[in-house]
Amino acid sequence: MATYEELVGKTYFIRTFGCQMNLHDSERVAGLLDSCGCQVVTSIDDADIVVFMTCCVRENADTRLYGQASAVVSAAPAPSGKRVLAIGGCIAQRDGERLREHVPSVDVVFGTSALADLPSLLVEAFEGTSRMPHVCIEETGRGFSTDLPTHRATTYHAWVPIMSGCNNFCTYCIVPYVRGRERSRTMESVVGECELLVAQGTREICLLGQNVNSYGRDNYGAPRFDELLRAVGETGIERLRFTSSNPKDLTDSVVAAMAETPAVMPHLHLAVQSGSTRILKAMNRSYTREEYLDLVRRLRAAMPHMALSTDIIVGFPGETEEDFLDTLSLVEEVAFSSAYTFIYSRREGTPAARMVDTTPHEVIQGRFERLADLVAQLAYRANQVDVNALVEVLVEGSSKRDERVMVGHSRKNQTVHFALPDGMQGEELIGRMVDVRVERARTWYLQGAVEGEPR
């Protein structure tokens, strides 16, 4: 059993790239370091331990990591006299010891299933003199990261993973190769964690998984996400969200559970990736354009005021102008409230990386800009619906531009700005609910004034 006296009093800084799963893993890493006697700081210059939690879904994630790592080398001397750079997450899992080729300064490399090994790896790095990185990317058999201590970013919101890995193998996606196959937590452990969070004052929970709709298939022989939604909804949580949701597995029973569980928010992120059935097949998405649109109709029949957001890839190998026009028409028909739009990024090790595409970059860039313009128009239009409405907002903090302007999110996941009521300090409102009368609706946020008392 490793001892961690070497870590007591060390300071640490964590920077997180990528998805919500990485955010959750970062909270567990922080909890581990806290339990070893370390202290969090807010800058690299003040840190003895620098941890980067990485993402490899898109190429620019690698570039960002390499740039950030070079900043560590040029930082002020570590308070303890020695600084250790640790890299975790998906890039670490993918590259392992080869990461040193791009980041010569790395001391520790730990994979997506090796969070629990980080303290011992750090001790080895502080005690050793070799410049070779200390690496652990193998499955340790220690269960889910949820079994580890946590240092949550907020008290009012919590990420709760219900499963890890993915079995879908979309042709463009690296996730199944770095996160592994699907593994579901037991329903008892998920509900138990949510009950504890509610008792501690958490007001909003987001259930996490690469494909939450297939939750339980490995443990129970069939998906049980509908049952899990209802069970978590009965814990007393006020707001319940979940991500990510693959359309091919979003069943009528899940739609019914969403509509019948009051805590489930009227917002769903439902990645479509393309509006062309031909391209969806090439992506191995396992649904057609028509099936996606039918699912949207069923969702809105069950929850008429639901806001939908999505992910869309432009320039997938072989995409024609006709395919792209199919995407534009689908986006307009669904009327998404927001969308994350990306130009296709080739990832080594995926089937799509072997596909040849001769479409000029300027054509793909032009399509991306046309899509972005349409998404912005639809977002603006969607927000106009709430002008003069009273919306419930969970307050998250003050605006970076004006500390007297507070920011939070509505039940439909809209960003909402409002002036701090007279006689109140901003800190008093963080984590509380307020009702905001919407006065103006912009493309990406709402503005208004508080009515009534915070709660």
Protein backbone atom coordinates (compact mmCIF):
# COMPACT_ATOMS: atom_id res chain seq x y z
CA MET A 1 0.00 0.00 0.00
CA ALA A 2 1.52 3.29 -1.07
CA THR A 3 2.04 6.07 1.45
CA TYR A 4 1.47 9.66 0.46
CA GLU A 5 3.39 11.72 3.04
CA GLU A 6 5.36 13.18 0.12
CA LEU A 7 2.17 14.89 -1.11
CA VAL A 8 1.11 16.55 2.18
CA GLY A 9 1.20 20.33 1.79
CA LYS A 10 1.74 20.23 -1.97
CA THR A 11 -0.35 22.63 -4.04
CA TYR A 12 -2.22 21.60 -7.17
CA PHE A 13 -3.88 23.14 -10.21
CA ILE A 14 -6.25 21.30 -12.59
CA ARG A 15 -7.23 22.36 -16.10
CA THR A 16 -9.99 20.41 -17.82
CA PHE A 17 -10.62 20.03 -21.54
CA GLY A 18 -13.59 18.39 -23.23
CA CYS A 19 -16.82 16.83 -22.07
CA GLN A 20 -18.81 16.70 -18.85
CA MET A 21 -17.31 13.29 -18.06
CA ASN A 22 -13.92 14.97 -17.88
CA LEU A 23 -15.35 17.64 -15.59
CA HIS A 24 -16.59 14.91 -13.28
CA ASP A 25 -13.24 13.08 -13.41
CA SER A 26 -11.49 16.35 -12.52
CA GLU A 27 -13.66 16.68 -9.43
CA ARG A 28 -12.59 13.16 -8.40
CA VAL A 29 -8.92 13.96 -9.02
CA ALA A 30 -9.28 17.08 -6.86
CA GLY A 31 -10.97 15.02 -4.16
CA LEU A 32 -8.12 12.49 -4.23
CA LEU A 33 -5.49 15.21 -3.92
CA ASP A 34 -7.42 16.88 -1.09
CA SER A 35 -7.49 13.55 0.76
CA CYS A 36 -3.69 13.34 0.40
CA GLY A 37 -3.24 16.68 2.15
CA CYS A 38 -2.79 18.79 -0.98
CA GLN A 39 -4.20 22.29 -1.42
CA VAL A 40 -5.86 23.68 -4.55
CA VAL A 41 -4.54 26.92 -6.11
CA THR A 42 -5.79 29.02 -8.99
CA SER A 43 -2.67 29.38 -11.14
CA ILE A 44 0.08 27.19 -12.56
CA ASP A 45 2.74 29.48 -11.03
CA ASP A 46 1.50 28.61 -7.52
CA ALA A 47 1.23 24.85 -8.13
CA ASP A 48 3.58 22.00 -7.26
CA ILE A 49 1.28 19.62 -9.17
CA VAL A 50 -0.28 20.56 -12.51
CA VAL A 51 -2.94 18.19 -13.87
CA PHE A 52 -4.40 18.41 -17.37
CA MET A 53 -7.54 16.33 -17.95
CA THR A 54 -7.60 15.90 -21.71
CA CYS A 55 -10.00 15.21 -24.56
CA CYS A 56 -9.09 13.68 -27.92
CA VAL A 57 -12.42 13.93 -29.74
CA ARG A 58 -11.14 16.75 -31.98
CA GLU A 59 -7.72 17.62 -33.32
CA ASN A 60 -7.54 21.07 -31.75
CA ALA A 61 -7.71 19.40 -28.31
CA ASP A 62 -4.23 17.95 -28.92
CA THR A 63 -2.95 21.34 -30.06
CA ARG A 64 -4.36 23.07 -26.98
CA LEU A 65 -2.75 20.51 -24.69
CA TYR A 66 0.68 20.94 -26.28
CA GLY A 67 0.42 24.72 -25.92
CA GLN A 68 -0.69 24.52 -22.30
CA ALA A 69 2.11 22.08 -21.48
CA SER A 70 4.71 24.47 -22.87
CA ALA A 71 3.31 27.15 -20.53
CA VAL A 72 4.08 24.87 -17.57
CA VAL A 73 7.76 24.75 -18.58
CA SER A 74 7.98 28.55 -18.64
CA ALA A 75 6.06 29.06 -15.38
CA ALA A 76 7.62 30.46 -12.21
CA PRO A 77 9.49 27.95 -10.01
CA ALA A 78 7.20 25.64 -8.01
CA PRO A 79 6.62 26.61 -4.36
CA SER A 80 8.17 23.31 -3.18
CA GLY A 81 11.08 23.54 -5.59
CA LYS A 82 9.81 20.77 -7.92
CA ARG A 83 6.80 20.81 -10.18
CA VAL A 84 5.16 17.62 -11.50
CA LEU A 85 3.06 17.68 -14.68
CA ALA A 86 0.39 14.97 -14.83
CA ILE A 87 -1.75 14.35 -17.91
CA GLY A 88 -4.94 12.31 -17.65
CA GLY A 89 -8.10 11.77 -19.65
CA CYS A 90 -8.59 10.52 -23.18
CA ILE A 91 -5.33 11.72 -24.78
CA ALA A 92 -3.42 10.03 -21.96
CA GLN A 93 -5.39 6.82 -22.50
CA ARG A 94 -4.84 6.94 -26.25
CA ASP A 95 -1.12 7.79 -26.28
CA GLY A 96 0.25 6.36 -23.03
CA GLU A 97 4.05 6.63 -22.88
CA ARG A 98 4.11 7.96 -26.47
CA LEU A 99 2.70 11.23 -25.10
CA ARG A 100 6.27 12.17 -24.18
CA GLU A 101 7.03 12.59 -27.90
CA HIS A 102 4.75 15.65 -27.96
CA VAL A 103 5.06 16.72 -24.30
CA PRO A 104 8.66 16.06 -23.19
CA SER A 105 8.00 17.71 -19.81
CA VAL A 106 5.28 15.23 -18.75
CA ASP A 107 6.03 13.37 -15.49
CA VAL A 108 2.85 11.31 -15.01
CA VAL A 109 0.42 9.80 -17.52
CA PHE A 110 -2.79 8.22 -16.18
CA GLY A 111 -5.65 6.80 -18.21
CA THR A 112 -9.42 7.11 -17.96
CA SER A 113 -9.68 4.05 -15.69
CA ALA A 114 -6.62 4.81 -13.55
CA LEU A 115 -7.69 7.86 -11.53
CA ALA A 116 -7.15 5.99 -8.26
CA ASP A 117 -3.48 5.41 -9.18
CA LEU A 118 -2.66 9.10 -9.48
CA PRO A 119 -1.40 9.67 -5.89
CA SER A 120 1.09 6.79 -6.07
CA LEU A 121 2.26 7.94 -9.52
CA LEU A 122 2.79 11.46 -8.15
CA VAL A 123 4.82 10.13 -5.21
CA GLU A 124 7.03 8.21 -7.64
CA ALA A 125 7.50 11.35 -9.72
CA PHE A 126 8.45 13.53 -6.73
CA GLU A 127 10.84 10.93 -5.32
CA GLY A 128 12.40 9.89 -8.64
CA THR A 129 15.10 11.51 -10.71
CA SER A 130 14.34 9.94 -14.10
CA ARG A 131 12.76 12.09 -16.78
CA MET A 132 10.81 9.10 -18.09
CA PRO A 133 7.09 9.56 -17.27
CA HIS A 134 5.34 7.34 -14.74
CA VAL A 135 2.49 5.74 -16.67
CA CYS A 136 -0.70 3.85 -15.80
CA ILE A 137 -3.37 3.42 -18.46
CA GLU A 138 -4.56 -0.10 -17.69
CA GLU A 139 -7.91 -0.95 -16.08
CA THR A 140 -7.18 -1.19 -12.34
CA GLY A 141 -10.33 -3.08 -11.37
CA ARG A 142 -11.11 -0.54 -8.65
CA GLY A 143 -14.63 0.18 -9.80
CA PHE A 144 -16.05 3.49 -10.95
CA SER A 145 -14.46 6.87 -10.29
CA THR A 146 -17.61 7.65 -8.28
CA ASP A 147 -16.11 5.45 -5.53
CA LEU A 148 -13.34 8.06 -5.06
CA PRO A 149 -13.43 11.24 -2.95
CA THR A 150 -14.72 14.34 -4.71
CA HIS A 151 -14.08 18.06 -4.66
CA ARG A 152 -17.14 19.47 -6.40
CA ALA A 153 -16.97 22.79 -8.17
CA THR A 154 -20.34 23.83 -6.69
CA THR A 155 -22.63 22.67 -3.91
CA TYR A 156 -25.87 23.20 -5.84
CA HIS A 157 -25.04 21.21 -8.99
CA ALA A 158 -23.57 17.72 -9.37
CA TRP A 159 -22.47 15.45 -12.20
CA VAL A 160 -23.48 11.84 -11.54
CA PRO A 161 -22.06 9.25 -13.98
CA ILE A 162 -24.38 6.29 -14.45
CA MET A 163 -22.16 4.40 -16.89
CA SER A 164 -18.86 4.62 -18.72
CA GLY A 165 -17.74 3.61 -22.20
CA CYS A 166 -19.64 3.23 -25.45
CA ASN A 167 -20.65 0.32 -27.71
CA ASN A 168 -21.78 2.36 -30.70
CA PHE A 169 -18.52 2.79 -32.64
CA CYS A 170 -19.59 5.74 -34.78
CA THR A 171 -17.01 5.82 -37.57
CA TYR A 172 -15.69 9.30 -36.68
CA CYS A 173 -15.49 8.78 -32.90
CA ILE A 174 -12.47 7.81 -30.79
CA VAL A 175 -14.43 7.49 -27.51
CA PRO A 176 -15.03 3.69 -27.53
CA TYR A 177 -11.30 3.17 -27.98
CA VAL A 178 -10.26 5.40 -25.05
CA ARG A 179 -13.23 4.93 -22.68
CA GLY A 180 -13.85 1.25 -23.44
CA ARG A 181 -17.09 -0.70 -23.72
CA GLU A 182 -20.24 0.20 -21.80
CA ARG A 183 -20.25 -0.48 -18.06
CA SER A 184 -23.27 0.55 -15.99
CA ARG A 185 -23.34 1.29 -12.31
CA THR A 186 -26.03 -0.45 -10.32
CA MET A 187 -29.28 1.42 -9.93
CA GLU A 188 -28.90 1.26 -6.16
CA SER A 189 -25.51 3.01 -6.25
CA VAL A 190 -26.73 5.77 -8.57
CA VAL A 191 -29.90 6.45 -6.58
CA GLY A 192 -27.97 6.25 -3.30
CA GLU A 193 -25.49 8.87 -4.51
CA CYS A 194 -28.34 11.13 -5.64
CA GLU A 195 -30.10 10.78 -2.28
CA LEU A 196 -26.88 11.79 -0.51
CA LEU A 197 -26.42 14.78 -2.80
CA VAL A 198 -29.98 15.96 -2.16
CA ALA A 199 -29.38 15.66 1.59
CA GLN A 200 -26.27 17.82 1.16
CA GLY A 201 -28.24 20.57 -0.58
CA THR A 202 -27.74 19.78 -4.26
CA ARG A 203 -30.54 21.25 -6.34
CA GLU A 204 -29.62 20.08 -9.85
CA ILE A 205 -28.20 16.74 -10.98
CA CYS A 206 -27.00 15.83 -14.45
CA LEU A 207 -26.76 12.09 -15.15
CA LEU A 208 -23.75 11.29 -17.35
CA GLY A 209 -22.92 8.59 -19.86
CA GLN A 210 -21.67 8.31 -23.41
CA ASN A 211 -25.13 6.91 -24.23
CA VAL A 212 -27.41 7.13 -21.20
CA ASN A 213 -30.30 5.52 -23.08
CA SER A 214 -28.55 2.14 -23.08
CA TYR A 215 -27.96 2.29 -19.31
CA GLY A 216 -28.30 -1.12 -17.68
CA ARG A 217 -28.04 -3.26 -20.78
CA ASP A 218 -24.85 -4.90 -19.44
CA ASN A 219 -26.01 -5.31 -15.83
CA TYR A 220 -29.67 -6.16 -16.33
CA GLY A 221 -29.84 -7.60 -19.84
CA ALA A 222 -31.95 -4.72 -21.14
CA PRO A 223 -31.85 -0.89 -20.92
CA ARG A 224 -33.44 0.48 -17.76
CA PHE A 225 -32.86 4.22 -18.15
CA ASP A 226 -36.58 4.94 -17.85
CA GLU A 227 -36.66 3.24 -14.44
CA LEU A 228 -33.55 5.09 -13.32
CA LEU A 229 -35.02 8.47 -14.32
CA ARG A 230 -38.14 7.81 -12.29
CA ALA A 231 -36.14 6.57 -9.28
CA VAL A 232 -33.80 9.58 -9.25
CA GLY A 233 -36.80 11.87 -9.70
CA GLU A 234 -38.19 10.48 -6.43
CA THR A 235 -35.08 11.45 -4.41
CA GLY A 236 -36.35 15.00 -3.97
CA ILE A 237 -33.98 16.56 -6.51
CA GLU A 238 -35.48 19.74 -7.93
CA ARG A 239 -33.84 19.68 -11.36
CA LEU A 240 -32.75 16.61 -13.30
CA ARG A 241 -30.88 16.61 -16.61
CA PHE A 242 -28.95 13.95 -18.53
CA THR A 243 -26.44 13.66 -21.36
CA SER A 244 -25.52 12.23 -23.84
CA SER A 245 -28.54 10.68 -25.50
CA ASN A 246 -28.26 8.63 -28.70
CA PRO A 247 -31.45 8.88 -30.80
CA LYS A 248 -31.36 5.20 -31.77
CA ASP A 249 -31.95 4.12 -28.16
CA LEU A 250 -34.37 6.82 -26.99
CA THR A 251 -37.45 4.64 -26.52
CA ASP A 252 -41.07 5.58 -25.93
CA SER A 253 -40.71 4.37 -22.33
CA VAL A 254 -37.88 6.88 -21.77
CA VAL A 255 -39.95 9.66 -23.37
CA ALA A 256 -42.84 8.77 -21.05
CA ALA A 257 -40.55 8.78 -18.00
CA MET A 258 -39.25 12.22 -18.99
CA ALA A 259 -42.78 13.62 -19.36
CA GLU A 260 -44.05 12.02 -16.14
CA THR A 261 -41.11 12.91 -13.86
CA PRO A 262 -41.52 16.55 -12.73
CA ALA A 263 -37.84 16.97 -11.91
CA VAL A 264 -36.77 16.24 -15.52
CA MET A 265 -36.07 19.56 -17.21
CA PRO A 266 -37.79 20.45 -20.51
CA HIS A 267 -34.50 20.41 -22.39
CA LEU A 268 -32.77 17.57 -24.21
CA HIS A 269 -29.45 17.44 -26.00
CA LEU A 270 -30.05 15.01 -28.86
CA ALA A 271 -27.06 14.79 -31.21
CA VAL A 272 -28.07 14.36 -34.85
CA GLN A 273 -24.62 14.86 -36.49
CA SER A 274 -26.11 15.07 -40.01
CA GLY A 275 -29.48 15.51 -41.69
CA SER A 276 -28.59 13.18 -44.54
CA THR A 277 -29.54 9.52 -44.21
CA ARG A 278 -26.67 8.62 -46.54
CA ILE A 279 -24.12 10.37 -44.32
CA LEU A 280 -25.71 9.01 -41.14
CA LYS A 281 -25.18 5.50 -42.53
CA ALA A 282 -21.54 6.30 -43.31
CA MET A 283 -21.20 7.56 -39.74
CA ASN A 284 -22.73 4.31 -38.39
CA ARG A 285 -25.33 6.29 -36.46
CA SER A 286 -27.99 3.53 -36.82
CA TYR A 287 -30.96 5.80 -37.50
CA THR A 288 -32.26 7.66 -40.54
CA ARG A 289 -33.24 11.27 -41.06
CA GLU A 290 -36.92 10.23 -41.00
CA GLU A 291 -36.50 8.27 -37.75
CA TYR A 292 -34.84 11.25 -36.06
CA LEU A 293 -37.63 13.60 -37.12
CA ASP A 294 -40.26 11.12 -35.95
CA LEU A 295 -38.54 10.94 -32.56
CA VAL A 296 -38.61 14.74 -32.30
CA ARG A 297 -42.36 14.71 -33.04
CA ARG A 298 -42.94 12.13 -30.28
CA LEU A 299 -40.83 14.11 -27.81
CA ARG A 300 -42.74 17.31 -28.45
CA ALA A 301 -46.08 15.53 -28.31
CA ALA A 302 -45.14 14.35 -24.81
CA MET A 303 -43.42 17.61 -23.73
CA PRO A 304 -44.75 20.46 -25.92
CA HIS A 305 -42.43 23.12 -24.47
CA MET A 306 -39.24 21.09 -24.73
CA ALA A 307 -36.10 22.84 -25.99
CA LEU A 308 -33.80 20.70 -28.13
CA SER A 309 -30.08 21.19 -28.69
CA THR A 310 -27.79 19.07 -30.82
CA ASP A 311 -24.34 18.33 -32.28
CA ILE A 312 -23.67 18.60 -36.01
CA ILE A 313 -20.58 17.69 -38.03
CA VAL A 314 -19.92 19.54 -41.28
CA GLY A 315 -17.61 18.11 -43.93
CA PHE A 316 -17.75 14.44 -43.05
CA PRO A 317 -15.89 12.52 -45.82
CA GLY A 318 -18.09 12.24 -48.89
CA GLU A 319 -20.61 14.92 -47.86
CA THR A 320 -22.10 16.55 -50.95
CA GLU A 321 -23.97 19.82 -51.26
CA GLU A 322 -27.21 17.80 -51.38
CA ASP A 323 -26.28 16.07 -48.11
CA PHE A 324 -25.54 19.43 -46.54
CA LEU A 325 -28.85 20.88 -47.71
CA ASP A 326 -30.54 17.91 -46.01
CA THR A 327 -28.82 18.97 -42.79
CA LEU A 328 -29.94 22.58 -43.17
CA SER A 329 -33.55 21.55 -43.79
CA LEU A 330 -33.56 19.20 -40.79
CA VAL A 331 -32.14 21.92 -38.53
CA GLU A 332 -34.85 24.31 -39.67
CA GLU A 333 -37.62 21.75 -39.27
CA VAL A 334 -36.58 20.79 -35.74
CA ALA A 335 -35.88 24.44 -34.80
CA PHE A 336 -33.10 23.67 -32.35
CA SER A 337 -32.67 26.15 -29.51
CA SER A 338 -28.89 25.76 -29.84
CA ALA A 339 -26.36 23.54 -31.58
CA TYR A 340 -22.70 22.68 -31.25
CA THR A 341 -21.38 22.74 -34.81
CA PHE A 342 -18.02 21.32 -35.85
CA ILE A 343 -15.97 20.84 -38.97
CA TYR A 344 -15.07 17.16 -39.25
CA SER A 345 -11.79 16.35 -37.53
CA ARG A 346 -9.93 13.24 -38.66
CA ARG A 347 -8.94 11.02 -35.70
CA GLU A 348 -6.35 8.31 -36.18
CA GLY A 349 -7.64 4.87 -35.25
CA THR A 350 -11.23 5.47 -36.38
CA PRO A 351 -12.76 3.99 -39.57
CA ALA A 352 -13.51 7.44 -40.97
CA ALA A 353 -9.81 8.31 -40.85
CA ARG A 354 -9.33 5.92 -43.78
CA MET A 355 -12.06 7.57 -45.88
CA VAL A 356 -10.85 9.76 -48.75
CA ASP A 357 -12.47 13.14 -49.29
CA THR A 358 -11.57 15.65 -52.00
CA THR A 359 -13.93 18.45 -50.97
CA PRO A 360 -11.96 21.73 -50.83
CA HIS A 361 -11.58 23.22 -47.37
CA GLU A 362 -13.10 26.52 -48.48
CA VAL A 363 -16.29 24.68 -49.51
CA ILE A 364 -16.52 22.98 -46.11
CA GLN A 365 -15.82 26.28 -44.34
CA GLY A 366 -18.56 27.95 -46.36
CA ARG A 367 -21.04 25.24 -45.35
CA PHE A 368 -20.03 25.60 -41.72
CA GLU A 369 -20.69 29.34 -41.82
CA ARG A 370 -24.08 28.85 -43.47
CA LEU A 371 -25.05 26.36 -40.77
CA ALA A 372 -23.79 28.62 -37.98
CA ASP A 373 -25.88 31.51 -39.35
CA LEU A 374 -29.02 29.34 -39.42
CA VAL A 375 -28.41 28.04 -35.89
CA ALA A 376 -28.05 31.60 -34.61
CA GLN A 377 -31.29 32.67 -36.32
CA LEU A 378 -33.18 29.75 -34.79
CA ALA A 379 -31.70 30.37 -31.33
CA TYR A 380 -32.81 33.99 -31.48
CA ARG A 381 -36.28 32.94 -32.61
CA ALA A 382 -36.57 30.32 -29.86
CA ASN A 383 -35.67 32.85 -27.15
CA GLN A 384 -38.33 35.35 -28.32
CA VAL A 385 -40.99 32.94 -27.05
CA ASP A 386 -40.03 33.77 -23.46
CA VAL A 387 -40.18 37.58 -23.70
CA ASN A 388 -42.51 38.79 -20.88
CA ALA A 389 -42.58 35.28 -19.41
CA LEU A 390 -41.61 34.50 -15.82
CA VAL A 391 -38.79 31.93 -15.88
CA GLU A 392 -37.26 30.03 -12.99
CA VAL A 393 -33.48 30.51 -12.79
CA LEU A 394 -30.87 28.62 -10.79
CA VAL A 395 -28.29 31.32 -9.97
CA GLU A 396 -24.68 30.40 -10.68
CA GLY A 397 -22.67 33.59 -10.18
CA SER A 398 -22.06 37.11 -11.40
CA SER A 399 -21.24 38.30 -14.89
CA LYS A 400 -17.55 38.65 -15.74
CA ARG A 401 -18.29 42.15 -17.03
CA ASP A 402 -20.41 43.45 -14.17
CA GLU A 403 -20.55 41.98 -10.66
CA ARG A 404 -23.99 43.56 -10.16
CA VAL A 405 -25.39 41.39 -12.99
CA MET A 406 -26.11 37.81 -12.01
CA VAL A 407 -26.16 34.80 -14.33
CA GLY A 408 -27.97 31.47 -14.17
CA HIS A 409 -29.85 28.95 -16.27
CA SER A 410 -33.54 28.44 -16.89
CA ARG A 411 -35.32 25.10 -16.87
CA LYS A 412 -34.83 25.02 -20.66
CA ASN A 413 -31.09 25.52 -20.10
CA GLN A 414 -31.11 29.10 -21.42
CA THR A 415 -28.53 31.49 -20.00
CA VAL A 416 -30.34 34.25 -18.09
CA HIS A 417 -28.89 37.60 -16.96
CA PHE A 418 -30.56 39.80 -14.35
CA ALA A 419 -29.62 42.77 -12.18
CA LEU A 420 -28.83 42.03 -8.56
CA PRO A 421 -31.83 43.12 -6.45
CA ASP A 422 -31.27 46.14 -4.21
CA GLY A 423 -29.97 45.30 -0.78
CA MET A 424 -28.60 41.90 -1.76
CA GLN A 425 -25.05 40.64 -2.23
CA GLY A 426 -24.29 38.36 -5.15
CA GLU A 427 -22.93 35.61 -2.89
CA GLU A 428 -26.32 35.39 -1.17
CA LEU A 429 -28.02 34.31 -4.40
CA ILE A 430 -25.59 31.70 -5.72
CA GLY A 431 -27.23 28.29 -5.65
CA ARG A 432 -30.70 29.72 -5.07
CA MET A 433 -33.74 29.86 -7.34
CA VAL A 434 -35.23 33.16 -8.49
CA ASP A 435 -38.08 34.01 -10.84
CA VAL A 436 -37.01 36.40 -13.60
CA ARG A 437 -39.44 38.38 -15.75
CA VAL A 438 -37.83 38.33 -19.20
CA GLU A 439 -37.56 41.80 -20.73
CA ARG A 440 -35.26 41.13 -23.68
CA ALA A 441 -34.22 38.02 -25.57
CA ARG A 442 -30.88 37.94 -27.33
CA THR A 443 -29.48 35.15 -29.50
CA TRP A 444 -27.67 33.32 -26.73
CA TYR A 445 -29.23 34.66 -23.52
CA LEU A 446 -32.25 36.25 -21.86
CA GLN A 447 -32.30 39.45 -19.79
CA GLY A 448 -34.80 40.43 -17.14
CA ALA A 449 -35.59 41.43 -13.57
CA VAL A 450 -36.24 39.39 -10.46
CA GLU A 451 -39.80 39.13 -9.18
CA GLY A 452 -40.56 37.79 -5.71
CA GLU A 453 -38.17 36.37 -3.14
CA PRO A 454 -35.26 34.00 -3.76
CA ARG A 455 -35.72 30.47 -2.49
